[in-house]
Amino acid sequence: MNTKEVADRLVELCRAGKYGQAQEELYAEDAVSIEMEGMSGGGLGNAKGLDAIREKGRKWADNIAEMHGGSVGDPVIAGNWFSLVMGIDATYKDMGRVDMQEICVYGVRDGKIVHEQFFYDM
């Protein structure tokens, strides 16, 4: 898949709430996931490798007490990179209700996501 096809498929899966399937289908084994600088470790910390990204996703999902809504924007593509605006309104077990938006930036190599990085207000 080219970058546009990867981006479109990620949007499709995320809009359906299939984040785990997106990781299995679209991520490279050596992918990295980077949170905002200054973010504490644990479930929302940086992750290197698909297994670590899967675990990060599991911890995030396990921390959600109730999902109130969410959104995934259309991708903006530049070469091997694309970005999305994502929003989530959820009640977390450890933080209470949080309604946030973030810009998600993805790098693609050989038809797989190799880099994801998130930008949001903390």
PDB file of N, CA and C in Angstrom:
ATOM      1  N   MET A   1       0.833  -1.188   0.000  1.00  0.00           N
ATOM      2  CA  MET A   1       0.000   0.000   0.000  1.00  0.00           C
ATOM      3  C   MET A   1       0.877   1.250   0.000  1.00  0.00           C
ATOM      4  N   ASN A   2       0.403   2.280  -0.662  1.00  0.00           N
ATOM      5  CA  ASN A   2       1.106   3.547  -0.604  1.00  0.00           C
ATOM      6  C   ASN A   2       0.616   4.340   0.617  1.00  0.00           C
ATOM      7  N   THR A   3       1.192   5.511   0.843  1.00  0.00           N
ATOM      8  CA  THR A   3       0.879   6.288   2.045  1.00  0.00           C
ATOM      9  C   THR A   3      -0.600   6.659   2.102  1.00  0.00           C
ATOM     10  N   LYS A   4      -1.184   7.072   0.986  1.00  0.00           N
ATOM     11  CA  LYS A   4      -2.613   7.420   0.979  1.00  0.00           C
ATOM     12  C   LYS A   4      -3.480   6.222   1.328  1.00  0.00           C
ATOM     13  N   GLU A   5      -3.153   5.065   0.792  1.00  0.00           N
ATOM     14  CA  GLU A   5      -3.937   3.860   1.091  1.00  0.00           C
ATOM     15  C   GLU A   5      -3.819   3.481   2.563  1.00  0.00           C
ATOM     16  N   VAL A   6      -2.615   3.581   3.131  1.00  0.00           N
ATOM     17  CA  VAL A   6      -2.425   3.299   4.559  1.00  0.00           C
ATOM     18  C   VAL A   6      -3.239   4.296   5.379  1.00  0.00           C
ATOM     19  N   ALA A   7      -3.154   5.574   5.033  1.00  0.00           N
ATOM     20  CA  ALA A   7      -3.882   6.612   5.764  1.00  0.00           C
ATOM     21  C   ALA A   7      -5.390   6.378   5.700  1.00  0.00           C
ATOM     22  N   ASP A   8      -5.897   6.091   4.518  1.00  0.00           N
ATOM     23  CA  ASP A   8      -7.337   5.863   4.368  1.00  0.00           C
ATOM     24  C   ASP A   8      -7.797   4.649   5.157  1.00  0.00           C
ATOM     25  N   ARG A   9      -6.991   3.595   5.170  1.00  0.00           N
ATOM     26  CA  ARG A   9      -7.355   2.395   5.918  1.00  0.00           C
ATOM     27  C   ARG A   9      -7.311   2.664   7.424  1.00  0.00           C
ATOM     28  N   LEU A  10      -6.316   3.416   7.889  1.00  0.00           N
ATOM     29  CA  LEU A  10      -6.252   3.753   9.315  1.00  0.00           C
ATOM     30  C   LEU A  10      -7.480   4.553   9.717  1.00  0.00           C
ATOM     31  N   VAL A  11      -7.859   5.526   8.916  1.00  0.00           N
ATOM     32  CA  VAL A  11      -9.055   6.320   9.212  1.00  0.00           C
ATOM     33  C   VAL A  11     -10.282   5.420   9.289  1.00  0.00           C
ATOM     34  N   GLU A  12     -10.427   4.534   8.319  1.00  0.00           N
ATOM     35  CA  GLU A  12     -11.574   3.622   8.293  1.00  0.00           C
ATOM     36  C   GLU A  12     -11.641   2.779   9.573  1.00  0.00           C
ATOM     37  N   LEU A  13     -10.515   2.192   9.967  1.00  0.00           N
ATOM     38  CA  LEU A  13     -10.497   1.338  11.149  1.00  0.00           C
ATOM     39  C   LEU A  13     -10.698   2.141  12.432  1.00  0.00           C
ATOM     40  N   CYS A  14     -10.078   3.302  12.542  1.00  0.00           N
ATOM     41  CA  CYS A  14     -10.225   4.110  13.757  1.00  0.00           C
ATOM     42  C   CYS A  14     -11.651   4.631  13.900  1.00  0.00           C
ATOM     43  N   ARG A  15     -12.265   5.032  12.808  1.00  0.00           N
ATOM     44  CA  ARG A  15     -13.660   5.491  12.879  1.00  0.00           C
ATOM     45  C   ARG A  15     -14.588   4.375  13.336  1.00  0.00           C
ATOM     46  N   ALA A  16     -14.210   3.135  13.065  1.00  0.00           N
ATOM     47  CA  ALA A  16     -14.995   1.979  13.512  1.00  0.00           C
ATOM     48  C   ALA A  16     -14.592   1.514  14.907  1.00  0.00           C
ATOM     49  N   GLY A  17     -13.610   2.188  15.517  1.00  0.00           N
ATOM     50  CA  GLY A  17     -13.149   1.805  16.857  1.00  0.00           C
ATOM     51  C   GLY A  17     -12.266   0.574  16.870  1.00  0.00           C
ATOM     52  N   LYS A  18     -11.704   0.205  15.727  1.00  0.00           N
ATOM     53  CA  LYS A  18     -10.898  -1.014  15.602  1.00  0.00           C
ATOM     54  C   LYS A  18      -9.404  -0.687  15.667  1.00  0.00           C
ATOM     55  N   TYR A  19      -8.977  -0.141  16.810  1.00  0.00           N
ATOM     56  CA  TYR A  19      -7.594   0.285  16.967  1.00  0.00           C
ATOM     57  C   TYR A  19      -6.631  -0.900  16.967  1.00  0.00           C
ATOM     58  N   GLY A  20      -6.998  -1.979  17.615  1.00  0.00           N
ATOM     59  CA  GLY A  20      -6.160  -3.171  17.637  1.00  0.00           C
ATOM     60  C   GLY A  20      -5.980  -3.758  16.250  1.00  0.00           C
ATOM     61  N   GLN A  21      -7.057  -3.811  15.486  1.00  0.00           N
ATOM     62  CA  GLN A  21      -6.961  -4.327  14.122  1.00  0.00           C
ATOM     63  C   GLN A  21      -6.067  -3.425  13.281  1.00  0.00           C
ATOM     64  N   ALA A  22      -6.143  -2.118  13.516  1.00  0.00           N
ATOM     65  CA  ALA A  22      -5.281  -1.183  12.778  1.00  0.00           C
ATOM     66  C   ALA A  22      -3.818  -1.481  13.060  1.00  0.00           C
ATOM     67  N   GLN A  23      -3.487  -1.730  14.320  1.00  0.00           N
ATOM     68  CA  GLN A  23      -2.100  -2.050  14.667  1.00  0.00           C
ATOM     69  C   GLN A  23      -1.655  -3.339  13.993  1.00  0.00           C
ATOM     70  N   GLU A  24      -2.483  -4.359  14.055  1.00  0.00           N
ATOM     71  CA  GLU A  24      -2.121  -5.655  13.471  1.00  0.00           C
ATOM     72  C   GLU A  24      -1.944  -5.558  11.958  1.00  0.00           C
ATOM     73  N   GLU A  25      -2.805  -4.807  11.323  1.00  0.00           N
ATOM     74  CA  GLU A  25      -2.837  -4.756   9.868  1.00  0.00           C
ATOM     75  C   GLU A  25      -1.843  -3.756   9.275  1.00  0.00           C
ATOM     76  N   LEU A  26      -1.634  -2.638   9.948  1.00  0.00           N
ATOM     77  CA  LEU A  26      -0.944  -1.521   9.317  1.00  0.00           C
ATOM     78  C   LEU A  26       0.424  -1.178   9.890  1.00  0.00           C
ATOM     79  N   TYR A  27       0.777  -1.696  11.079  1.00  0.00           N
ATOM     80  CA  TYR A  27       2.020  -1.291  11.741  1.00  0.00           C
ATOM     81  C   TYR A  27       3.157  -2.262  11.460  1.00  0.00           C
ATOM     82  N   ALA A  28       4.351  -1.721  11.296  1.00  0.00           N
ATOM     83  CA  ALA A  28       5.560  -2.532  11.138  1.00  0.00           C
ATOM     84  C   ALA A  28       6.011  -3.035  12.508  1.00  0.00           C
ATOM     85  N   GLU A  29       6.737  -4.124  12.517  1.00  0.00           N
ATOM     86  CA  GLU A  29       7.238  -4.700  13.778  1.00  0.00           C
ATOM     87  C   GLU A  29       8.151  -3.738  14.525  1.00  0.00           C
ATOM     88  N   ASP A  30       8.850  -2.852  13.801  1.00  0.00           N
ATOM     89  CA  ASP A  30       9.798  -1.941  14.443  1.00  0.00           C
ATOM     90  C   ASP A  30       9.234  -0.523  14.607  1.00  0.00           C
ATOM     91  N   ALA A  31       7.916  -0.391  14.567  1.00  0.00           N
ATOM     92  CA  ALA A  31       7.285   0.922  14.691  1.00  0.00           C
ATOM     93  C   ALA A  31       7.561   1.535  16.063  1.00  0.00           C
ATOM     94  N   VAL A  32       7.511   2.874  16.103  1.00  0.00           N
ATOM     95  CA  VAL A  32       7.649   3.603  17.363  1.00  0.00           C
ATOM     96  C   VAL A  32       6.420   4.478  17.567  1.00  0.00           C
ATOM     97  N   SER A  33       6.087   4.705  18.839  1.00  0.00           N
ATOM     98  CA  SER A  33       4.950   5.533  19.229  1.00  0.00           C
ATOM     99  C   SER A  33       5.451   6.560  20.236  1.00  0.00           C
ATOM    100  N   ILE A  34       5.235   7.846  19.940  1.00  0.00           N
ATOM    101  CA  ILE A  34       5.799   8.914  20.761  1.00  0.00           C
ATOM    102  C   ILE A  34       4.684   9.831  21.261  1.00  0.00           C
ATOM    103  N   GLU A  35       4.632  10.007  22.570  1.00  0.00           N
ATOM    104  CA  GLU A  35       3.676  10.918  23.204  1.00  0.00           C
ATOM    105  C   GLU A  35       4.310  12.291  23.359  1.00  0.00           C
ATOM    106  N   MET A  36       3.538  13.228  23.867  1.00  0.00           N
ATOM    107  CA  MET A  36       4.026  14.591  24.111  1.00  0.00           C
ATOM    108  C   MET A  36       5.202  14.566  25.078  1.00  0.00           C
ATOM    109  N   GLU A  37       6.185  15.412  24.829  1.00  0.00           N
ATOM    110  CA  GLU A  37       7.306  15.547  25.748  1.00  0.00           C
ATOM    111  C   GLU A  37       6.779  16.000  27.104  1.00  0.00           C
ATOM    112  N   GLY A  38       7.282  15.379  28.153  1.00  0.00           N
ATOM    113  CA  GLY A  38       6.827  15.694  29.501  1.00  0.00           C
ATOM    114  C   GLY A  38       5.701  14.810  29.978  1.00  0.00           C
ATOM    115  N   MET A  39       5.182  13.955  29.098  1.00  0.00           N
ATOM    116  CA  MET A  39       4.118  13.036  29.506  1.00  0.00           C
ATOM    117  C   MET A  39       4.739  11.943  30.362  1.00  0.00           C
ATOM    118  N   SER A  40       4.053  11.581  31.414  1.00  0.00           N
ATOM    119  CA  SER A  40       4.579  10.541  32.304  1.00  0.00           C
ATOM    120  C   SER A  40       4.585   9.191  31.608  1.00  0.00           C
ATOM    121  N   GLY A  41       5.321   8.252  32.161  1.00  0.00           N
ATOM    122  CA  GLY A  41       5.423   6.904  31.587  1.00  0.00           C
ATOM    123  C   GLY A  41       4.149   6.109  31.778  1.00  0.00           C
ATOM    124  N   GLY A  42       4.273   4.811  31.776  1.00  0.00           N
ATOM    125  CA  GLY A  42       3.108   3.955  31.938  1.00  0.00           C
ATOM    126  C   GLY A  42       2.397   3.740  30.626  1.00  0.00           C
ATOM    127  N   GLY A  43       1.081   3.574  30.692  1.00  0.00           N
ATOM    128  CA  GLY A  43       0.278   3.249  29.528  1.00  0.00           C
ATOM    129  C   GLY A  43       0.347   4.273  28.420  1.00  0.00           C
ATOM    130  N   LEU A  44       0.636   5.534  28.764  1.00  0.00           N
ATOM    131  CA  LEU A  44       0.678   6.570  27.735  1.00  0.00           C
ATOM    132  C   LEU A  44       2.103   6.998  27.393  1.00  0.00           C
ATOM    133  N   GLY A  45       3.099   6.262  27.830  1.00  0.00           N
ATOM    134  CA  GLY A  45       4.485   6.622  27.525  1.00  0.00           C
ATOM    135  C   GLY A  45       4.861   6.236  26.109  1.00  0.00           C
ATOM    136  N   ASN A  46       6.093   6.523  25.736  1.00  0.00           N
ATOM    137  CA  ASN A  46       6.600   6.141  24.422  1.00  0.00           C
ATOM    138  C   ASN A  46       6.754   4.626  24.347  1.00  0.00           C
ATOM    139  N   ALA A  47       6.690   4.108  23.134  1.00  0.00           N
ATOM    140  CA  ALA A  47       6.813   2.662  22.939  1.00  0.00           C
ATOM    141  C   ALA A  47       7.625   2.393  21.677  1.00  0.00           C
ATOM    142  N   LYS A  48       8.485   1.386  21.745  1.00  0.00           N
ATOM    143  CA  LYS A  48       9.290   0.970  20.585  1.00  0.00           C
ATOM    144  C   LYS A  48       8.981  -0.487  20.291  1.00  0.00           C
ATOM    145  N   GLY A  49       8.588  -0.758  19.071  1.00  0.00           N
ATOM    146  CA  GLY A  49       8.256  -2.112  18.649  1.00  0.00           C
ATOM    147  C   GLY A  49       6.760  -2.368  18.762  1.00  0.00           C
ATOM    148  N   LEU A  50       6.268  -3.214  17.875  1.00  0.00           N
ATOM    149  CA  LEU A  50       4.832  -3.480  17.806  1.00  0.00           C
ATOM    150  C   LEU A  50       4.290  -4.091  19.088  1.00  0.00           C
ATOM    151  N   ASP A  51       5.028  -4.982  19.726  1.00  0.00           N
ATOM    152  CA  ASP A  51       4.543  -5.571  20.980  1.00  0.00           C
ATOM    153  C   ASP A  51       4.330  -4.500  22.045  1.00  0.00           C
ATOM    154  N   ALA A  52       5.270  -3.566  22.153  1.00  0.00           N
ATOM    155  CA  ALA A  52       5.147  -2.482  23.136  1.00  0.00           C
ATOM    156  C   ALA A  52       3.990  -1.549  22.778  1.00  0.00           C
ATOM    157  N   ILE A  53       3.775  -1.307  21.493  1.00  0.00           N
ATOM    158  CA  ILE A  53       2.655  -0.472  21.067  1.00  0.00           C
ATOM    159  C   ILE A  53       1.328  -1.165  21.380  1.00  0.00           C
ATOM    160  N   ARG A  54       1.257  -2.463  21.151  1.00  0.00           N
ATOM    161  CA  ARG A  54       0.046  -3.223  21.508  1.00  0.00           C
ATOM    162  C   ARG A  54      -0.249  -3.098  23.001  1.00  0.00           C
ATOM    163  N   GLU A  55       0.778  -3.259  23.826  1.00  0.00           N
ATOM    164  CA  GLU A  55       0.608  -3.174  25.276  1.00  0.00           C
ATOM    165  C   GLU A  55       0.165  -1.775  25.686  1.00  0.00           C
ATOM    166  N   LYS A  56       0.741  -0.768  25.082  1.00  0.00           N
ATOM    167  CA  LYS A  56       0.344   0.615  25.348  1.00  0.00           C
ATOM    168  C   LYS A  56      -1.140   0.796  25.029  1.00  0.00           C
ATOM    169  N   GLY A  57      -1.583   0.267  23.909  1.00  0.00           N
ATOM    170  CA  GLY A  57      -2.989   0.342  23.515  1.00  0.00           C
ATOM    171  C   GLY A  57      -3.904  -0.381  24.480  1.00  0.00           C
ATOM    172  N   ARG A  58      -3.458  -1.547  24.959  1.00  0.00           N
ATOM    173  CA  ARG A  58      -4.259  -2.313  25.937  1.00  0.00           C
ATOM    174  C   ARG A  58      -4.407  -1.535  27.237  1.00  0.00           C
ATOM    175  N   LYS A  59      -3.321  -0.939  27.715  1.00  0.00           N
ATOM    176  CA  LYS A  59      -3.375  -0.165  28.958  1.00  0.00           C
ATOM    177  C   LYS A  59      -4.295   1.044  28.808  1.00  0.00           C
ATOM    178  N   TRP A  60      -4.218   1.708  27.659  1.00  0.00           N
ATOM    179  CA  TRP A  60      -5.091   2.852  27.410  1.00  0.00           C
ATOM    180  C   TRP A  60      -6.555   2.410  27.436  1.00  0.00           C
ATOM    181  N   ALA A  61      -6.873   1.342  26.713  1.00  0.00           N
ATOM    182  CA  ALA A  61      -8.257   0.862  26.650  1.00  0.00           C
ATOM    183  C   ALA A  61      -8.755   0.386  28.012  1.00  0.00           C
ATOM    184  N   ASP A  62      -7.899  -0.292  28.771  1.00  0.00           N
ATOM    185  CA  ASP A  62      -8.289  -0.780  30.098  1.00  0.00           C
ATOM    186  C   ASP A  62      -8.571   0.355  31.067  1.00  0.00           C
ATOM    187  N   ASN A  63      -8.013   1.536  30.827  1.00  0.00           N
ATOM    188  CA  ASN A  63      -8.191   2.678  31.713  1.00  0.00           C
ATOM    189  C   ASN A  63      -9.484   3.450  31.417  1.00  0.00           C
ATOM    190  N   ILE A  64     -10.151   3.110  30.329  1.00  0.00           N
ATOM    191  CA  ILE A  64     -11.381   3.824  29.973  1.00  0.00           C
ATOM    192  C   ILE A  64     -12.562   3.215  30.733  1.00  0.00           C
ATOM    193  N   ALA A  65     -13.239   4.061  31.517  1.00  0.00           N
ATOM    194  CA  ALA A  65     -14.432   3.627  32.246  1.00  0.00           C
ATOM    195  C   ALA A  65     -15.675   3.784  31.376  1.00  0.00           C
ATOM    196  N   GLU A  66     -15.713   4.873  30.584  1.00  0.00           N
ATOM    197  CA  GLU A  66     -16.864   5.122  29.715  1.00  0.00           C
ATOM    198  C   GLU A  66     -16.431   5.990  28.544  1.00  0.00           C
ATOM    199  N   MET A  67     -16.878   5.623  27.347  1.00  0.00           N
ATOM    200  CA  MET A  67     -16.599   6.392  26.143  1.00  0.00           C
ATOM    201  C   MET A  67     -17.830   7.233  25.829  1.00  0.00           C
ATOM    202  N   HIS A  68     -17.625   8.541  25.680  1.00  0.00           N
ATOM    203  CA  HIS A  68     -18.741   9.448  25.413  1.00  0.00           C
ATOM    204  C   HIS A  68     -18.802   9.882  23.959  1.00  0.00           C
ATOM    205  N   GLY A  69     -17.687   9.807  23.248  1.00  0.00           N
ATOM    206  CA  GLY A  69     -17.672  10.201  21.849  1.00  0.00           C
ATOM    207  C   GLY A  69     -16.257  10.289  21.321  1.00  0.00           C
ATOM    208  N   GLY A  70     -16.150  10.456  20.031  1.00  0.00           N
ATOM    209  CA  GLY A  70     -14.838  10.572  19.409  1.00  0.00           C
ATOM    210  C   GLY A  70     -14.989  10.951  17.951  1.00  0.00           C
ATOM    211  N   SER A  71     -13.865  11.327  17.353  1.00  0.00           N
ATOM    212  CA  SER A  71     -13.882  11.699  15.948  1.00  0.00           C
ATOM    213  C   SER A  71     -12.510  11.437  15.341  1.00  0.00           C
ATOM    214  N   VAL A  72     -12.505  11.221  14.028  1.00  0.00           N
ATOM    215  CA  VAL A  72     -11.266  11.039  13.268  1.00  0.00           C
ATOM    216  C   VAL A  72     -11.412  11.850  11.984  1.00  0.00           C
ATOM    217  N   GLY A  73     -10.522  12.807  11.793  1.00  0.00           N
ATOM    218  CA  GLY A  73     -10.573  13.648  10.603  1.00  0.00           C
ATOM    219  C   GLY A  73     -10.006  12.949   9.381  1.00  0.00           C
ATOM    220  N   ASP A  74     -10.063  13.650   8.269  1.00  0.00           N
ATOM    221  CA  ASP A  74      -9.506  13.130   7.024  1.00  0.00           C
ATOM    222  C   ASP A  74      -7.995  13.342   7.012  1.00  0.00           C
ATOM    223  N   PRO A  75      -7.252  12.442   6.379  1.00  0.00           N
ATOM    224  CA  PRO A  75      -5.791  12.560   6.374  1.00  0.00           C
ATOM    225  C   PRO A  75      -5.278  13.675   5.470  1.00  0.00           C
ATOM    226  N   VAL A  76      -4.163  14.253   5.904  1.00  0.00           N
ATOM    227  CA  VAL A  76      -3.383  15.183   5.091  1.00  0.00           C
ATOM    228  C   VAL A  76      -2.067  14.469   4.800  1.00  0.00           C
ATOM    229  N   ILE A  77      -1.724  14.316   3.530  1.00  0.00           N
ATOM    230  CA  ILE A  77      -0.595  13.471   3.134  1.00  0.00           C
ATOM    231  C   ILE A  77       0.513  14.314   2.517  1.00  0.00           C
ATOM    232  N   ALA A  78       1.756  14.004   2.918  1.00  0.00           N
ATOM    233  CA  ALA A  78       2.943  14.654   2.359  1.00  0.00           C
ATOM    234  C   ALA A  78       4.036  13.598   2.241  1.00  0.00           C
ATOM    235  N   GLY A  79       4.247  13.092   1.050  1.00  0.00           N
ATOM    236  CA  GLY A  79       5.269  12.068   0.837  1.00  0.00           C
ATOM    237  C   GLY A  79       4.947  10.809   1.618  1.00  0.00           C
ATOM    238  N   ASN A  80       5.877  10.394   2.476  1.00  0.00           N
ATOM    239  CA  ASN A  80       5.702   9.185   3.292  1.00  0.00           C
ATOM    240  C   ASN A  80       5.090   9.490   4.658  1.00  0.00           C
ATOM    241  N   TRP A  81       4.518  10.675   4.827  1.00  0.00           N
ATOM    242  CA  TRP A  81       3.939  11.109   6.100  1.00  0.00           C
ATOM    243  C   TRP A  81       2.492  11.502   5.906  1.00  0.00           C
ATOM    244  N   PHE A  82       1.696  11.319   6.960  1.00  0.00           N
ATOM    245  CA  PHE A  82       0.333  11.845   6.954  1.00  0.00           C
ATOM    246  C   PHE A  82      -0.053  12.225   8.373  1.00  0.00           C
ATOM    247  N   SER A  83      -1.040  13.098   8.468  1.00  0.00           N
ATOM    248  CA  SER A  83      -1.524  13.511   9.779  1.00  0.00           C
ATOM    249  C   SER A  83      -3.048  13.446   9.810  1.00  0.00           C
ATOM    250  N   LEU A  84      -3.554  13.296  11.024  1.00  0.00           N
ATOM    251  CA  LEU A  84      -4.993  13.247  11.282  1.00  0.00           C
ATOM    252  C   LEU A  84      -5.284  14.067  12.527  1.00  0.00           C
ATOM    253  N   VAL A  85      -6.470  14.639  12.580  1.00  0.00           N
ATOM    254  CA  VAL A  85      -6.964  15.192  13.831  1.00  0.00           C
ATOM    255  C   VAL A  85      -7.891  14.134  14.419  1.00  0.00           C
ATOM    256  N   MET A  86      -7.627  13.768  15.674  1.00  0.00           N
ATOM    257  CA  MET A  86      -8.494  12.831  16.373  1.00  0.00           C
ATOM    258  C   MET A  86      -9.005  13.489  17.645  1.00  0.00           C
ATOM    259  N   GLY A  87     -10.236  13.183  17.981  1.00  0.00           N
ATOM    260  CA  GLY A  87     -10.819  13.665  19.215  1.00  0.00           C
ATOM    261  C   GLY A  87     -11.373  12.497  20.009  1.00  0.00           C
ATOM    262  N   ILE A  88     -11.319  12.616  21.319  1.00  0.00           N
ATOM    263  CA  ILE A  88     -11.895  11.583  22.176  1.00  0.00           C
ATOM    264  C   ILE A  88     -12.464  12.250  23.416  1.00  0.00           C
ATOM    265  N   ASP A  89     -13.649  11.825  23.776  1.00  0.00           N
ATOM    266  CA  ASP A  89     -14.310  12.270  24.998  1.00  0.00           C
ATOM    267  C   ASP A  89     -14.586  10.999  25.789  1.00  0.00           C
ATOM    268  N   ALA A  90     -13.834  10.813  26.861  1.00  0.00           N
ATOM    269  CA  ALA A  90     -13.943   9.577  27.639  1.00  0.00           C
ATOM    270  C   ALA A  90     -13.745   9.864  29.115  1.00  0.00           C
ATOM    271  N   THR A  91     -14.320   9.002  29.931  1.00  0.00           N
ATOM    272  CA  THR A  91     -14.056   9.019  31.365  1.00  0.00           C
ATOM    273  C   THR A  91     -13.032   7.933  31.643  1.00  0.00           C
ATOM    274  N   TYR A  92     -11.899   8.364  32.209  1.00  0.00           N
ATOM    275  CA  TYR A  92     -10.810   7.446  32.536  1.00  0.00           C
ATOM    276  C   TYR A  92     -10.860   7.108  34.016  1.00  0.00           C
ATOM    277  N   LYS A  93     -10.441   5.912  34.344  1.00  0.00           N
ATOM    278  CA  LYS A  93     -10.429   5.465  35.734  1.00  0.00           C
ATOM    279  C   LYS A  93      -9.516   6.323  36.593  1.00  0.00           C
ATOM    280  N   ASP A  94      -8.405   6.790  36.025  1.00  0.00           N
ATOM    281  CA  ASP A  94      -7.428   7.526  36.833  1.00  0.00           C
ATOM    282  C   ASP A  94      -7.464   9.040  36.648  1.00  0.00           C
ATOM    283  N   MET A  95      -8.267   9.562  35.684  1.00  0.00           N
ATOM    284  CA  MET A  95      -8.262  11.004  35.433  1.00  0.00           C
ATOM    285  C   MET A  95      -9.645  11.628  35.401  1.00  0.00           C
ATOM    286  N   GLY A  96     -10.679  10.823  35.445  1.00  0.00           N
ATOM    287  CA  GLY A  96     -12.016  11.373  35.250  1.00  0.00           C
ATOM    288  C   GLY A  96     -12.294  11.629  33.788  1.00  0.00           C
ATOM    289  N   ARG A  97     -13.277  12.495  33.525  1.00  0.00           N
ATOM    290  CA  ARG A  97     -13.674  12.760  32.148  1.00  0.00           C
ATOM    291  C   ARG A  97     -12.716  13.733  31.484  1.00  0.00           C
ATOM    292  N   VAL A  98     -12.286  13.368  30.278  1.00  0.00           N
ATOM    293  CA  VAL A  98     -11.376  14.193  29.490  1.00  0.00           C
ATOM    294  C   VAL A  98     -11.937  14.259  28.066  1.00  0.00           C
ATOM    295  N   ASP A  99     -12.107  15.472  27.575  1.00  0.00           N
ATOM    296  CA  ASP A  99     -12.539  15.705  26.195  1.00  0.00           C
ATOM    297  C   ASP A  99     -11.366  16.398  25.506  1.00  0.00           C
ATOM    298  N   MET A 100     -10.691  15.696  24.609  1.00  0.00           N
ATOM    299  CA  MET A 100      -9.464  16.242  24.023  1.00  0.00           C
ATOM    300  C   MET A 100      -9.410  16.044  22.519  1.00  0.00           C
ATOM    301  N   GLN A 101      -8.594  16.866  21.891  1.00  0.00           N
ATOM    302  CA  GLN A 101      -8.270  16.705  20.482  1.00  0.00           C
ATOM    303  C   GLN A 101      -6.762  16.668  20.350  1.00  0.00           C
ATOM    304  N   GLU A 102      -6.307  15.921  19.359  1.00  0.00           N
ATOM    305  CA  GLU A 102      -4.871  15.817  19.126  1.00  0.00           C
ATOM    306  C   GLU A 102      -4.598  15.760  17.636  1.00  0.00           C
ATOM    307  N   ILE A 103      -3.372  16.127  17.292  1.00  0.00           N
ATOM    308  CA  ILE A 103      -2.885  15.925  15.931  1.00  0.00           C
ATOM    309  C   ILE A 103      -1.985  14.701  15.985  1.00  0.00           C
ATOM    310  N   CYS A 104      -2.264  13.755  15.127  1.00  0.00           N
ATOM    311  CA  CYS A 104      -1.512  12.501  15.071  1.00  0.00           C
ATOM    312  C   CYS A 104      -0.724  12.503  13.761  1.00  0.00           C
ATOM    313  N   VAL A 105       0.576  12.266  13.859  1.00  0.00           N
ATOM    314  CA  VAL A 105       1.447  12.257  12.682  1.00  0.00           C
ATOM    315  C   VAL A 105       2.015  10.842  12.520  1.00  0.00           C
ATOM    316  N   TYR A 106       1.944  10.336  11.298  1.00  0.00           N
ATOM    317  CA  TYR A 106       2.365   8.969  11.008  1.00  0.00           C
ATOM    318  C   TYR A 106       3.391   8.959   9.877  1.00  0.00           C
ATOM    319  N   GLY A 107       4.395   8.105  10.024  1.00  0.00           N
ATOM    320  CA  GLY A 107       5.377   7.863   8.974  1.00  0.00           C
ATOM    321  C   GLY A 107       5.174   6.471   8.412  1.00  0.00           C
ATOM    322  N   VAL A 108       5.299   6.332   7.105  1.00  0.00           N
ATOM    323  CA  VAL A 108       5.052   5.062   6.418  1.00  0.00           C
ATOM    324  C   VAL A 108       6.315   4.649   5.666  1.00  0.00           C
ATOM    325  N   ARG A 109       6.650   3.360   5.779  1.00  0.00           N
ATOM    326  CA  ARG A 109       7.757   2.770   5.022  1.00  0.00           C
ATOM    327  C   ARG A 109       7.305   1.404   4.525  1.00  0.00           C
ATOM    328  N   ASP A 110       7.475   1.139   3.254  1.00  0.00           N
ATOM    329  CA  ASP A 110       7.127  -0.165   2.663  1.00  0.00           C
ATOM    330  C   ASP A 110       5.694  -0.583   2.981  1.00  0.00           C
ATOM    331  N   GLY A 111       4.773   0.382   2.944  1.00  0.00           N
ATOM    332  CA  GLY A 111       3.362   0.066   3.135  1.00  0.00           C
ATOM    333  C   GLY A 111       2.941  -0.156   4.571  1.00  0.00           C
ATOM    334  N   LYS A 112       3.795   0.169   5.540  1.00  0.00           N
ATOM    335  CA  LYS A 112       3.474  -0.025   6.964  1.00  0.00           C
ATOM    336  C   LYS A 112       3.781   1.249   7.745  1.00  0.00           C
ATOM    337  N   ILE A 113       3.031   1.475   8.804  1.00  0.00           N
ATOM    338  CA  ILE A 113       3.306   2.596   9.697  1.00  0.00           C
ATOM    339  C   ILE A 113       4.514   2.246  10.549  1.00  0.00           C
ATOM    340  N   VAL A 114       5.512   3.126  10.526  1.00  0.00           N
ATOM    341  CA  VAL A 114       6.737   2.903  11.297  1.00  0.00           C
ATOM    342  C   VAL A 114       6.920   3.945  12.396  1.00  0.00           C
ATOM    343  N   HIS A 115       6.100   4.990  12.352  1.00  0.00           N
ATOM    344  CA  HIS A 115       6.236   6.094  13.319  1.00  0.00           C
ATOM    345  C   HIS A 115       4.859   6.690  13.554  1.00  0.00           C
ATOM    346  N   GLU A 116       4.500   6.863  14.830  1.00  0.00           N
ATOM    347  CA  GLU A 116       3.326   7.630  15.181  1.00  0.00           C
ATOM    348  C   GLU A 116       3.721   8.579  16.300  1.00  0.00           C
ATOM    349  N   GLN A 117       3.210   9.803  16.214  1.00  0.00           N
ATOM    350  CA  GLN A 117       3.526  10.794  17.230  1.00  0.00           C
ATOM    351  C   GLN A 117       2.294  11.648  17.454  1.00  0.00           C
ATOM    352  N   PHE A 118       2.043  11.968  18.728  1.00  0.00           N
ATOM    353  CA  PHE A 118       0.824  12.654  19.102  1.00  0.00           C
ATOM    354  C   PHE A 118       1.126  14.017  19.710  1.00  0.00           C
ATOM    355  N   PHE A 119       0.323  15.020  19.316  1.00  0.00           N
ATOM    356  CA  PHE A 119       0.484  16.389  19.806  1.00  0.00           C
ATOM    357  C   PHE A 119      -0.852  16.847  20.371  1.00  0.00           C
ATOM    358  N   TYR A 120      -0.853  17.241  21.637  1.00  0.00           N
ATOM    359  CA  TYR A 120      -2.083  17.635  22.321  1.00  0.00           C
ATOM    360  C   TYR A 120      -1.735  18.500  23.520  1.00  0.00           C
ATOM    361  N   ASP A 121      -2.738  19.215  24.023  1.00  0.00           N
ATOM    362  CA  ASP A 121      -2.555  19.996  25.249  1.00  0.00           C
ATOM    363  C   ASP A 121      -2.607  19.058  26.433  1.00  0.00           C
ATOM    364  N   MET A 122      -1.692  19.293  27.378  1.00  0.00           N
ATOM    365  CA  MET A 122      -1.669  18.432  28.572  1.00  0.00           C
ATOM    366  C   MET A 122      -2.273  19.175  29.752  1.00  0.00           C
TER     367      MET A 122
END
